[in-house]
């Protein structure tokens, strides 16, 4: 049985949604990031990077990072493109989310990662928020005249949904992003998404 280590509202929500939609029995273990649980010896054995998500596979081996976890789950549950070109495009989207969108938001929530001088924190946060908002606008453009990020619903969509909720959290004008908002509404029509949103107490 798969075990997901997650924190409510974190990027681990993507894998949480995928597992819930799969219909397969899984175990979900909450990790208290604010309490520092990710730095404990027990958790570092699961993910030496001290982050969520982490996924314990059926054989007990751990897997970390959305860039690995989501393609694995996608292939396991047929939520991943089979065509080589479509797969490459899916990896490109995941790479953009993980390497650009997520780090921009991290500048807002964790400025101490990027400067030791607390006097620099306000500038880091302001710049990070502007950059993050710019990426959300780019995502809005990616969704123009299409229902999902790929040709059909895939693991890319729960991942993209995460950043919409982060935009809401940062009180950005998300309603102005009409394509992205319509996508969010489509996601919320899915029972597994609603269940995870409720379970993780996410404001959307």
N, C-alpha and C. Protein backbone atom coordinates (compact mmCIF):
# COMPACT_ATOMS: atom_id res chain seq x y z
N UNK A 1 0.84 -1.20 0.00
CA UNK A 1 0.00 0.00 0.00
C UNK A 1 0.87 1.25 0.00
N UNK A 2 0.47 2.24 -0.75
CA UNK A 2 1.20 3.50 -0.81
C UNK A 2 0.91 4.35 0.43
N UNK A 3 1.92 5.07 0.88
CA UNK A 3 1.76 5.99 2.00
C UNK A 3 2.25 7.37 1.57
N UNK A 4 1.38 8.35 1.70
CA UNK A 4 1.72 9.73 1.34
C UNK A 4 2.00 10.54 2.61
N UNK A 5 3.11 11.22 2.62
CA UNK A 5 3.45 12.15 3.69
C UNK A 5 3.17 13.55 3.15
N UNK A 6 2.25 14.25 3.81
CA UNK A 6 1.76 15.52 3.27
C UNK A 6 1.59 16.55 4.37
N UNK A 7 1.46 17.79 3.95
CA UNK A 7 1.11 18.88 4.85
C UNK A 7 -0.05 19.64 4.22
N UNK A 8 -1.13 19.90 4.95
CA UNK A 8 -2.27 20.61 4.38
C UNK A 8 -1.86 21.93 3.73
N UNK A 9 -2.32 22.11 2.49
CA UNK A 9 -2.07 23.35 1.78
C UNK A 9 -0.75 23.41 1.05
N UNK A 10 0.12 22.43 1.28
CA UNK A 10 1.42 22.40 0.61
C UNK A 10 1.27 21.77 -0.78
N UNK A 11 2.37 21.74 -1.54
CA UNK A 11 2.32 21.17 -2.88
C UNK A 11 2.01 19.68 -2.87
N UNK A 12 2.10 19.06 -1.71
CA UNK A 12 1.73 17.65 -1.56
C UNK A 12 0.25 17.42 -1.83
N UNK A 13 -0.54 18.50 -1.86
CA UNK A 13 -1.96 18.37 -2.15
C UNK A 13 -2.19 17.73 -3.53
N UNK A 14 -1.27 17.96 -4.47
CA UNK A 14 -1.42 17.39 -5.80
C UNK A 14 -1.45 15.86 -5.74
N UNK A 15 -0.46 15.29 -5.08
CA UNK A 15 -0.42 13.83 -4.95
C UNK A 15 -1.60 13.31 -4.12
N UNK A 16 -2.00 14.09 -3.13
CA UNK A 16 -3.14 13.71 -2.29
C UNK A 16 -4.40 13.56 -3.14
N UNK A 17 -4.61 14.52 -4.05
CA UNK A 17 -5.78 14.45 -4.94
C UNK A 17 -5.69 13.25 -5.86
N UNK A 18 -4.52 13.02 -6.45
CA UNK A 18 -4.34 11.90 -7.37
C UNK A 18 -4.63 10.57 -6.66
N UNK A 19 -4.11 10.41 -5.46
CA UNK A 19 -4.35 9.17 -4.71
C UNK A 19 -5.82 9.01 -4.37
N UNK A 20 -6.46 10.09 -4.00
CA UNK A 20 -7.88 10.01 -3.67
C UNK A 20 -8.71 9.64 -4.90
N UNK A 21 -8.33 10.18 -6.04
CA UNK A 21 -9.07 9.89 -7.27
C UNK A 21 -8.83 8.46 -7.76
N UNK A 22 -7.71 7.88 -7.38
CA UNK A 22 -7.35 6.56 -7.90
C UNK A 22 -8.32 5.47 -7.44
N UNK A 23 -8.92 5.67 -6.27
CA UNK A 23 -9.79 4.64 -5.72
C UNK A 23 -9.01 3.54 -5.03
N UNK A 24 -7.69 3.60 -5.10
CA UNK A 24 -6.85 2.59 -4.46
C UNK A 24 -6.66 2.96 -2.98
N UNK A 25 -6.64 1.95 -2.14
CA UNK A 25 -6.43 2.21 -0.72
C UNK A 25 -5.02 2.73 -0.49
N UNK A 26 -4.92 3.80 0.29
CA UNK A 26 -3.61 4.37 0.60
C UNK A 26 -3.66 4.94 2.02
N UNK A 27 -2.48 5.23 2.55
CA UNK A 27 -2.39 5.82 3.88
C UNK A 27 -1.87 7.24 3.74
N UNK A 28 -2.46 8.19 4.43
CA UNK A 28 -2.03 9.59 4.39
C UNK A 28 -1.55 9.99 5.77
N UNK A 29 -0.30 10.39 5.86
CA UNK A 29 0.28 10.80 7.14
C UNK A 29 0.63 12.27 7.09
N UNK A 30 0.05 13.03 8.01
CA UNK A 30 0.26 14.47 8.05
C UNK A 30 1.61 14.79 8.70
N UNK A 31 2.35 15.68 8.08
CA UNK A 31 3.65 16.12 8.59
C UNK A 31 3.51 17.56 9.08
N UNK A 32 3.88 17.80 10.32
CA UNK A 32 3.76 19.13 10.92
C UNK A 32 5.00 19.97 10.59
N UNK A 33 4.93 20.70 9.49
CA UNK A 33 6.07 21.52 9.08
C UNK A 33 6.33 22.66 10.06
N UNK A 34 5.26 23.28 10.53
CA UNK A 34 5.42 24.41 11.45
C UNK A 34 6.06 23.97 12.76
N UNK A 35 5.85 22.72 13.14
CA UNK A 35 6.44 22.19 14.37
C UNK A 35 7.81 21.57 14.16
N UNK A 36 8.27 21.56 12.90
CA UNK A 36 9.61 21.05 12.61
C UNK A 36 9.71 19.55 12.45
N UNK A 37 8.57 18.87 12.28
CA UNK A 37 8.59 17.41 12.16
C UNK A 37 9.45 16.94 10.99
N UNK A 38 9.53 17.78 9.95
CA UNK A 38 10.30 17.41 8.76
C UNK A 38 11.80 17.33 9.02
N UNK A 39 12.22 17.86 10.15
CA UNK A 39 13.65 17.83 10.48
C UNK A 39 14.00 16.75 11.50
N UNK A 40 13.00 15.95 11.90
CA UNK A 40 13.26 14.89 12.87
C UNK A 40 13.99 13.73 12.20
N UNK A 41 14.69 12.98 13.01
CA UNK A 41 15.45 11.84 12.48
C UNK A 41 14.54 10.84 11.78
N UNK A 42 13.36 10.63 12.34
CA UNK A 42 12.43 9.66 11.76
C UNK A 42 11.99 10.09 10.36
N UNK A 43 11.67 11.39 10.20
CA UNK A 43 11.20 11.83 8.88
C UNK A 43 12.34 11.92 7.87
N UNK A 44 13.52 12.31 8.33
CA UNK A 44 14.66 12.42 7.42
C UNK A 44 15.07 11.07 6.84
N UNK A 45 14.68 9.99 7.51
CA UNK A 45 14.91 8.66 6.96
C UNK A 45 13.99 8.41 5.76
N UNK A 46 12.83 9.07 5.79
CA UNK A 46 11.87 8.94 4.69
C UNK A 46 12.25 9.88 3.55
N UNK A 47 12.53 11.13 3.89
CA UNK A 47 12.96 12.11 2.90
C UNK A 47 14.12 12.92 3.48
N UNK A 48 15.34 12.61 3.10
CA UNK A 48 16.51 13.31 3.63
C UNK A 48 16.50 14.82 3.35
N UNK A 49 15.69 15.25 2.37
CA UNK A 49 15.59 16.68 2.07
C UNK A 49 14.72 17.41 3.08
N UNK A 50 13.95 16.66 3.87
CA UNK A 50 13.11 17.28 4.88
C UNK A 50 11.97 18.08 4.31
N UNK A 51 11.35 17.56 3.28
CA UNK A 51 10.24 18.26 2.62
C UNK A 51 9.06 17.32 2.42
N UNK A 52 7.93 17.90 2.05
CA UNK A 52 6.80 17.13 1.55
C UNK A 52 6.59 17.55 0.09
N UNK A 53 6.03 16.64 -0.72
CA UNK A 53 5.55 15.32 -0.35
C UNK A 53 6.68 14.29 -0.34
N UNK A 54 6.37 13.18 0.31
CA UNK A 54 7.16 11.97 0.18
C UNK A 54 6.16 10.83 0.02
N UNK A 55 6.56 9.84 -0.72
CA UNK A 55 5.67 8.70 -0.98
C UNK A 55 6.41 7.42 -0.67
N UNK A 56 5.86 6.63 0.26
CA UNK A 56 6.44 5.31 0.54
C UNK A 56 5.76 4.31 -0.39
N UNK A 57 6.55 3.64 -1.19
CA UNK A 57 6.02 2.72 -2.18
C UNK A 57 5.60 1.39 -1.54
N UNK A 58 5.00 0.55 -2.34
CA UNK A 58 4.51 -0.75 -1.84
C UNK A 58 5.63 -1.59 -1.22
N UNK A 59 6.84 -1.45 -1.78
CA UNK A 59 7.97 -2.25 -1.28
C UNK A 59 8.71 -1.58 -0.13
N UNK A 60 8.17 -0.43 0.33
CA UNK A 60 8.77 0.26 1.47
C UNK A 60 9.77 1.33 1.09
N UNK A 61 10.15 1.40 -0.18
CA UNK A 61 11.10 2.42 -0.61
C UNK A 61 10.44 3.79 -0.64
N UNK A 62 11.18 4.84 -0.25
CA UNK A 62 10.61 6.20 -0.30
C UNK A 62 10.90 6.87 -1.65
N UNK A 63 9.98 7.75 -2.03
CA UNK A 63 10.14 8.54 -3.25
C UNK A 63 9.83 9.98 -2.88
N UNK A 64 10.67 10.91 -3.34
CA UNK A 64 10.48 12.32 -3.00
C UNK A 64 10.36 13.17 -4.27
N UNK A 65 9.83 14.37 -4.09
CA UNK A 65 9.71 15.39 -5.14
C UNK A 65 8.53 15.11 -6.08
N UNK A 66 7.72 16.16 -6.32
CA UNK A 66 6.60 16.05 -7.24
C UNK A 66 7.03 15.66 -8.64
N UNK A 67 8.22 16.08 -9.04
CA UNK A 67 8.71 15.76 -10.38
C UNK A 67 8.90 14.26 -10.58
N UNK A 68 9.03 13.51 -9.49
CA UNK A 68 9.12 12.05 -9.56
C UNK A 68 7.80 11.39 -9.16
N UNK A 69 7.21 11.89 -8.08
CA UNK A 69 5.99 11.27 -7.53
C UNK A 69 4.82 11.34 -8.50
N UNK A 70 4.60 12.51 -9.10
CA UNK A 70 3.42 12.66 -9.97
C UNK A 70 3.51 11.82 -11.24
N UNK A 71 4.66 11.80 -11.95
CA UNK A 71 4.73 10.88 -13.09
C UNK A 71 4.56 9.41 -12.69
N UNK A 72 5.12 9.04 -11.54
CA UNK A 72 4.96 7.66 -11.08
C UNK A 72 3.48 7.34 -10.85
N UNK A 73 2.79 8.21 -10.13
CA UNK A 73 1.37 7.98 -9.87
C UNK A 73 0.56 8.04 -11.17
N UNK A 74 0.95 8.95 -12.04
CA UNK A 74 0.23 9.08 -13.31
C UNK A 74 0.30 7.80 -14.13
N UNK A 75 1.48 7.19 -14.17
CA UNK A 75 1.63 5.94 -14.92
C UNK A 75 0.91 4.80 -14.22
N UNK A 76 0.92 4.82 -12.92
CA UNK A 76 0.26 3.76 -12.15
C UNK A 76 -1.26 3.80 -12.33
N UNK A 77 -1.81 5.02 -12.41
CA UNK A 77 -3.27 5.17 -12.44
C UNK A 77 -3.79 5.66 -13.80
N UNK A 78 -2.95 5.55 -14.83
CA UNK A 78 -3.33 5.95 -16.19
C UNK A 78 -3.78 7.41 -16.26
N UNK A 79 -3.02 8.25 -15.59
CA UNK A 79 -3.26 9.69 -15.63
C UNK A 79 -2.01 10.41 -16.16
N UNK A 80 -1.35 9.75 -17.13
CA UNK A 80 -0.10 10.24 -17.69
C UNK A 80 -0.07 9.93 -19.18
N UNK A 81 0.38 10.87 -20.01
CA UNK A 81 0.39 10.62 -21.46
C UNK A 81 1.28 9.44 -21.84
N UNK A 82 0.84 8.69 -22.84
CA UNK A 82 1.61 7.55 -23.31
C UNK A 82 2.44 7.90 -24.55
N UNK A 83 1.97 8.85 -25.32
CA UNK A 83 2.70 9.29 -26.51
C UNK A 83 3.99 10.00 -26.08
N UNK A 84 5.14 9.69 -26.69
CA UNK A 84 6.42 10.29 -26.28
C UNK A 84 6.44 11.81 -26.31
N UNK A 85 5.85 12.40 -27.32
CA UNK A 85 5.84 13.87 -27.41
C UNK A 85 4.94 14.45 -26.33
N UNK A 86 3.77 13.84 -26.13
CA UNK A 86 2.86 14.32 -25.08
C UNK A 86 3.49 14.16 -23.71
N UNK A 87 4.24 13.07 -23.51
CA UNK A 87 4.92 12.87 -22.24
C UNK A 87 5.99 13.94 -22.03
N UNK A 88 6.73 14.27 -23.07
CA UNK A 88 7.75 15.31 -22.96
C UNK A 88 7.12 16.65 -22.59
N UNK A 89 5.98 16.94 -23.20
CA UNK A 89 5.28 18.19 -22.89
C UNK A 89 4.79 18.19 -21.44
N UNK A 90 4.33 17.04 -20.96
CA UNK A 90 3.88 16.93 -19.57
C UNK A 90 5.04 17.17 -18.61
N UNK A 91 6.20 16.61 -18.94
CA UNK A 91 7.39 16.82 -18.10
C UNK A 91 7.81 18.28 -18.11
N UNK A 92 7.61 18.94 -19.25
CA UNK A 92 7.93 20.36 -19.35
C UNK A 92 7.05 21.18 -18.42
N UNK A 93 5.77 20.84 -18.37
CA UNK A 93 4.84 21.56 -17.48
C UNK A 93 5.21 21.32 -16.02
N UNK A 94 5.48 20.07 -15.66
CA UNK A 94 5.87 19.76 -14.29
C UNK A 94 7.16 20.50 -13.92
N UNK A 95 8.09 20.55 -14.86
CA UNK A 95 9.34 21.26 -14.61
C UNK A 95 9.11 22.74 -14.37
N UNK A 96 8.23 23.34 -15.16
CA UNK A 96 7.88 24.75 -14.99
C UNK A 96 7.25 24.99 -13.63
N UNK A 97 6.33 24.13 -13.24
CA UNK A 97 5.67 24.27 -11.94
C UNK A 97 6.68 24.15 -10.79
N UNK A 98 7.55 23.14 -10.88
CA UNK A 98 8.46 22.85 -9.77
C UNK A 98 9.65 23.79 -9.70
N UNK A 99 10.15 24.22 -10.86
CA UNK A 99 11.39 24.99 -10.89
C UNK A 99 11.18 26.50 -10.99
N UNK A 100 9.99 26.92 -11.38
CA UNK A 100 9.72 28.36 -11.53
C UNK A 100 8.60 28.85 -10.62
N UNK A 101 7.42 28.26 -10.77
CA UNK A 101 6.25 28.76 -10.03
C UNK A 101 6.42 28.57 -8.53
N UNK A 102 6.76 27.36 -8.12
CA UNK A 102 6.89 27.07 -6.70
C UNK A 102 7.98 27.91 -6.03
N UNK A 103 9.19 28.01 -6.59
CA UNK A 103 10.23 28.83 -5.95
C UNK A 103 9.86 30.30 -5.84
N UNK A 104 9.12 30.81 -6.81
CA UNK A 104 8.70 32.21 -6.72
C UNK A 104 7.84 32.42 -5.48
N UNK A 105 6.92 31.48 -5.24
CA UNK A 105 6.07 31.58 -4.06
C UNK A 105 6.87 31.40 -2.78
N UNK A 106 7.91 30.58 -2.83
CA UNK A 106 8.75 30.35 -1.65
C UNK A 106 9.43 31.64 -1.20
N UNK A 107 9.70 32.54 -2.13
CA UNK A 107 10.29 33.83 -1.76
C UNK A 107 9.34 34.64 -0.87
N UNK A 108 8.04 34.40 -1.04
CA UNK A 108 7.04 35.12 -0.24
C UNK A 108 6.94 34.52 1.15
N UNK A 109 6.86 33.20 1.22
CA UNK A 109 6.65 32.52 2.50
C UNK A 109 7.90 32.21 3.29
N UNK A 110 9.03 32.10 2.60
CA UNK A 110 10.27 31.72 3.29
C UNK A 110 11.45 32.57 2.82
N UNK A 111 11.38 33.87 3.04
CA UNK A 111 12.47 34.75 2.58
C UNK A 111 13.81 34.45 3.24
N UNK A 112 13.77 33.81 4.41
CA UNK A 112 15.02 33.50 5.11
C UNK A 112 15.88 32.50 4.34
N UNK A 113 15.27 31.81 3.37
CA UNK A 113 16.05 30.90 2.53
C UNK A 113 16.98 31.65 1.59
N UNK A 114 16.64 32.91 1.32
CA UNK A 114 17.31 33.64 0.24
C UNK A 114 18.16 34.80 0.72
N UNK A 115 18.13 35.10 2.01
CA UNK A 115 18.97 36.16 2.57
C UNK A 115 19.10 35.95 4.07
N UNK A 116 20.28 36.26 4.59
CA UNK A 116 20.49 36.15 6.04
C UNK A 116 20.13 37.44 6.76
N UNK A 117 20.08 38.54 6.02
CA UNK A 117 19.76 39.85 6.58
C UNK A 117 18.25 40.07 6.54
N UNK A 118 17.62 40.12 7.70
CA UNK A 118 16.16 40.26 7.75
C UNK A 118 15.68 41.57 7.14
N UNK A 119 16.57 42.55 7.03
CA UNK A 119 16.18 43.81 6.41
C UNK A 119 15.84 43.63 4.92
N UNK A 120 16.36 42.56 4.35
CA UNK A 120 16.09 42.29 2.93
C UNK A 120 14.78 41.54 2.70
N UNK A 121 14.19 41.00 3.78
CA UNK A 121 13.00 40.17 3.63
C UNK A 121 11.83 40.86 2.93
N UNK A 122 11.48 42.11 3.28
CA UNK A 122 10.35 42.75 2.61
C UNK A 122 10.53 42.85 1.09
N UNK A 123 11.74 43.17 0.64
CA UNK A 123 12.00 43.27 -0.79
C UNK A 123 11.90 41.91 -1.46
N UNK A 124 12.44 40.89 -0.79
CA UNK A 124 12.36 39.52 -1.32
C UNK A 124 10.90 39.09 -1.45
N UNK A 125 10.11 39.37 -0.43
CA UNK A 125 8.69 39.00 -0.46
C UNK A 125 7.95 39.72 -1.58
N UNK A 126 8.19 41.03 -1.69
CA UNK A 126 7.51 41.83 -2.71
C UNK A 126 7.86 41.35 -4.12
N UNK A 127 9.14 41.14 -4.34
CA UNK A 127 9.58 40.67 -5.66
C UNK A 127 9.05 39.27 -5.95
N UNK A 128 9.08 38.41 -4.93
CA UNK A 128 8.58 37.05 -5.09
C UNK A 128 7.10 37.03 -5.44
N UNK A 129 6.33 37.89 -4.78
CA UNK A 129 4.88 37.92 -5.04
C UNK A 129 4.59 38.40 -6.47
N UNK A 130 5.34 39.40 -6.93
CA UNK A 130 5.15 39.90 -8.29
C UNK A 130 5.51 38.82 -9.31
N UNK A 131 6.60 38.12 -9.03
CA UNK A 131 7.02 37.05 -9.93
C UNK A 131 6.01 35.91 -9.94
N UNK A 132 5.55 35.54 -8.76
CA UNK A 132 4.55 34.47 -8.64
C UNK A 132 3.27 34.85 -9.39
N UNK A 133 2.82 36.08 -9.22
CA UNK A 133 1.62 36.55 -9.91
C UNK A 133 1.82 36.49 -11.42
N UNK A 134 3.02 36.85 -11.87
CA UNK A 134 3.32 36.78 -13.29
C UNK A 134 3.22 35.35 -13.82
N UNK A 135 3.70 34.41 -13.04
CA UNK A 135 3.60 33.01 -13.45
C UNK A 135 2.15 32.53 -13.47
N UNK A 136 1.34 33.00 -12.54
CA UNK A 136 -0.08 32.63 -12.55
C UNK A 136 -0.76 33.15 -13.81
N UNK A 137 -0.38 34.34 -14.24
CA UNK A 137 -0.92 34.88 -15.50
C UNK A 137 -0.48 34.01 -16.68
N UNK A 138 0.76 33.52 -16.61
CA UNK A 138 1.25 32.64 -17.66
C UNK A 138 0.46 31.34 -17.68
N UNK A 139 0.15 30.80 -16.50
CA UNK A 139 -0.67 29.59 -16.42
C UNK A 139 -2.05 29.85 -17.00
N UNK A 140 -2.60 31.03 -16.73
CA UNK A 140 -3.90 31.41 -17.29
C UNK A 140 -3.85 31.33 -18.81
N UNK A 141 -2.76 31.80 -19.40
CA UNK A 141 -2.60 31.74 -20.85
C UNK A 141 -2.47 30.31 -21.35
N UNK A 142 -1.83 29.46 -20.58
CA UNK A 142 -1.67 28.05 -20.96
C UNK A 142 -3.02 27.35 -21.05
N UNK A 143 -3.99 27.83 -20.28
CA UNK A 143 -5.31 27.20 -20.23
C UNK A 143 -6.31 27.82 -21.20
N UNK A 144 -5.86 28.75 -22.01
CA UNK A 144 -6.76 29.38 -22.98
C UNK A 144 -7.30 28.34 -23.96
N UNK A 145 -8.60 28.28 -24.08
CA UNK A 145 -9.29 27.39 -25.02
C UNK A 145 -8.97 25.92 -24.81
N UNK A 146 -8.64 25.57 -23.56
CA UNK A 146 -8.46 24.16 -23.28
C UNK A 146 -9.00 23.84 -21.89
N UNK A 147 -9.38 22.58 -21.73
CA UNK A 147 -10.00 22.15 -20.48
C UNK A 147 -8.96 21.77 -19.43
N UNK A 148 -7.91 21.06 -19.87
CA UNK A 148 -6.89 20.57 -18.95
C UNK A 148 -5.50 20.94 -19.47
N UNK A 149 -4.47 20.73 -18.67
CA UNK A 149 -3.12 21.09 -19.09
C UNK A 149 -2.60 20.17 -20.19
N UNK A 150 -3.06 18.93 -20.23
CA UNK A 150 -2.72 18.00 -21.29
C UNK A 150 -3.98 17.78 -22.13
N UNK A 151 -3.93 16.83 -23.06
CA UNK A 151 -5.08 16.59 -23.93
C UNK A 151 -6.27 16.03 -23.17
N UNK A 152 -6.01 15.41 -22.02
CA UNK A 152 -7.08 14.94 -21.16
C UNK A 152 -6.63 15.11 -19.71
N UNK A 153 -7.53 14.89 -18.79
CA UNK A 153 -7.21 15.06 -17.37
C UNK A 153 -6.01 14.18 -17.00
N UNK A 154 -5.08 14.77 -16.25
CA UNK A 154 -3.86 14.04 -15.86
C UNK A 154 -3.37 14.57 -14.52
N UNK A 155 -2.24 14.04 -14.06
CA UNK A 155 -1.68 14.48 -12.78
C UNK A 155 -1.21 15.94 -12.83
N UNK A 156 -1.08 16.50 -14.04
CA UNK A 156 -0.71 17.91 -14.15
C UNK A 156 -1.77 18.82 -13.55
N UNK A 157 -3.02 18.39 -13.62
CA UNK A 157 -4.12 19.26 -13.21
C UNK A 157 -4.21 19.47 -11.70
N UNK A 158 -4.09 18.43 -10.87
CA UNK A 158 -4.03 18.70 -9.43
C UNK A 158 -2.84 19.58 -9.05
N UNK A 159 -1.72 19.41 -9.76
CA UNK A 159 -0.53 20.23 -9.47
C UNK A 159 -0.82 21.70 -9.82
N UNK A 160 -1.41 21.93 -10.98
CA UNK A 160 -1.77 23.29 -11.36
C UNK A 160 -2.80 23.91 -10.43
N UNK A 161 -3.69 23.09 -9.91
CA UNK A 161 -4.72 23.55 -8.97
C UNK A 161 -4.10 24.10 -7.69
N UNK A 162 -3.01 23.48 -7.24
CA UNK A 162 -2.33 23.91 -6.01
C UNK A 162 -1.99 25.40 -6.07
N UNK A 163 -1.45 25.84 -7.20
CA UNK A 163 -0.97 27.23 -7.28
C UNK A 163 -2.12 28.23 -7.32
N UNK A 164 -3.27 27.79 -7.81
CA UNK A 164 -4.44 28.67 -7.73
C UNK A 164 -4.79 28.93 -6.27
N UNK A 165 -4.77 27.87 -5.46
CA UNK A 165 -5.10 28.04 -4.04
C UNK A 165 -4.06 28.92 -3.34
N UNK A 166 -2.81 28.84 -3.78
CA UNK A 166 -1.78 29.70 -3.19
C UNK A 166 -2.01 31.16 -3.57
N UNK A 167 -2.50 31.40 -4.78
CA UNK A 167 -2.83 32.75 -5.19
C UNK A 167 -3.94 33.32 -4.34
N UNK A 168 -4.94 32.48 -4.03
CA UNK A 168 -6.03 32.90 -3.15
C UNK A 168 -5.47 33.22 -1.77
N UNK A 169 -4.58 32.38 -1.28
CA UNK A 169 -3.97 32.58 0.04
C UNK A 169 -3.24 33.92 0.11
N UNK A 170 -2.59 34.30 -0.98
CA UNK A 170 -1.83 35.56 -1.01
C UNK A 170 -2.70 36.75 -1.41
N UNK A 171 -4.00 36.51 -1.52
CA UNK A 171 -4.98 37.55 -1.83
C UNK A 171 -4.69 38.26 -3.15
N UNK A 172 -4.23 37.48 -4.13
CA UNK A 172 -4.04 38.00 -5.47
C UNK A 172 -5.40 38.02 -6.19
N UNK A 173 -5.55 38.87 -7.20
CA UNK A 173 -6.85 38.98 -7.90
C UNK A 173 -7.08 37.80 -8.85
N UNK A 174 -7.32 36.64 -8.27
CA UNK A 174 -7.40 35.41 -9.05
C UNK A 174 -8.60 35.40 -10.01
N UNK A 175 -9.68 36.06 -9.64
CA UNK A 175 -10.87 36.07 -10.49
C UNK A 175 -10.60 36.72 -11.84
N UNK A 176 -9.57 37.57 -11.88
CA UNK A 176 -9.22 38.22 -13.14
C UNK A 176 -8.59 37.23 -14.12
N UNK A 177 -8.10 36.13 -13.61
CA UNK A 177 -7.52 35.08 -14.45
C UNK A 177 -8.65 34.13 -14.86
N UNK A 178 -9.37 34.50 -15.89
CA UNK A 178 -10.62 33.83 -16.22
C UNK A 178 -10.43 32.36 -16.62
N UNK A 179 -9.40 32.07 -17.40
CA UNK A 179 -9.17 30.68 -17.81
C UNK A 179 -8.79 29.82 -16.61
N UNK A 180 -7.94 30.37 -15.78
CA UNK A 180 -7.47 29.64 -14.59
C UNK A 180 -8.63 29.43 -13.61
N UNK A 181 -9.48 30.44 -13.47
CA UNK A 181 -10.62 30.33 -12.57
C UNK A 181 -11.62 29.30 -13.08
N UNK A 182 -11.84 29.27 -14.39
CA UNK A 182 -12.74 28.26 -14.97
C UNK A 182 -12.17 26.86 -14.75
N UNK A 183 -10.85 26.74 -14.86
CA UNK A 183 -10.18 25.47 -14.58
C UNK A 183 -10.40 25.06 -13.13
N UNK A 184 -10.21 26.02 -12.22
CA UNK A 184 -10.44 25.75 -10.79
C UNK A 184 -11.85 25.24 -10.55
N UNK A 185 -12.81 25.86 -11.22
CA UNK A 185 -14.21 25.44 -11.06
C UNK A 185 -14.41 24.02 -11.58
N UNK A 186 -13.76 23.69 -12.68
CA UNK A 186 -13.86 22.31 -13.20
C UNK A 186 -13.25 21.32 -12.22
N UNK A 187 -12.14 21.70 -11.62
CA UNK A 187 -11.51 20.83 -10.63
C UNK A 187 -12.44 20.57 -9.45
N UNK A 188 -13.10 21.61 -9.00
CA UNK A 188 -13.97 21.48 -7.82
C UNK A 188 -15.23 20.67 -8.10
N UNK A 189 -15.50 20.38 -9.36
CA UNK A 189 -16.62 19.51 -9.69
C UNK A 189 -16.26 18.03 -9.48
N UNK A 190 -14.98 17.77 -9.28
CA UNK A 190 -14.51 16.41 -9.07
C UNK A 190 -14.58 16.08 -7.57
N UNK A 191 -15.24 15.01 -7.24
CA UNK A 191 -15.51 14.69 -5.84
C UNK A 191 -14.22 14.52 -5.03
N UNK A 192 -13.19 13.92 -5.63
CA UNK A 192 -11.94 13.71 -4.91
C UNK A 192 -11.26 15.03 -4.57
N UNK A 193 -11.36 15.99 -5.48
CA UNK A 193 -10.78 17.32 -5.23
C UNK A 193 -11.50 17.99 -4.07
N UNK A 194 -12.82 17.94 -4.10
CA UNK A 194 -13.60 18.55 -3.01
C UNK A 194 -13.27 17.90 -1.67
N UNK A 195 -13.11 16.59 -1.67
CA UNK A 195 -12.81 15.88 -0.43
C UNK A 195 -11.46 16.31 0.14
N UNK A 196 -10.45 16.39 -0.73
CA UNK A 196 -9.12 16.79 -0.26
C UNK A 196 -9.11 18.24 0.18
N UNK A 197 -9.80 19.11 -0.56
CA UNK A 197 -9.89 20.52 -0.17
C UNK A 197 -10.51 20.66 1.21
N UNK A 198 -11.55 19.87 1.45
CA UNK A 198 -12.20 19.90 2.76
C UNK A 198 -11.30 19.31 3.84
N UNK A 199 -10.66 18.20 3.50
CA UNK A 199 -9.77 17.53 4.47
C UNK A 199 -8.60 18.43 4.87
N UNK A 200 -8.02 19.15 3.89
CA UNK A 200 -6.88 19.99 4.16
C UNK A 200 -7.28 21.42 4.54
N UNK A 201 -8.60 21.66 4.55
CA UNK A 201 -9.14 22.97 4.94
C UNK A 201 -8.55 24.10 4.09
N UNK A 202 -8.71 23.94 2.78
CA UNK A 202 -8.15 24.88 1.81
C UNK A 202 -9.18 25.92 1.43
N UNK A 203 -8.76 27.18 1.41
CA UNK A 203 -9.64 28.25 0.93
C UNK A 203 -9.47 28.40 -0.57
N UNK A 204 -10.56 28.26 -1.30
CA UNK A 204 -10.52 28.39 -2.76
C UNK A 204 -11.54 29.44 -3.21
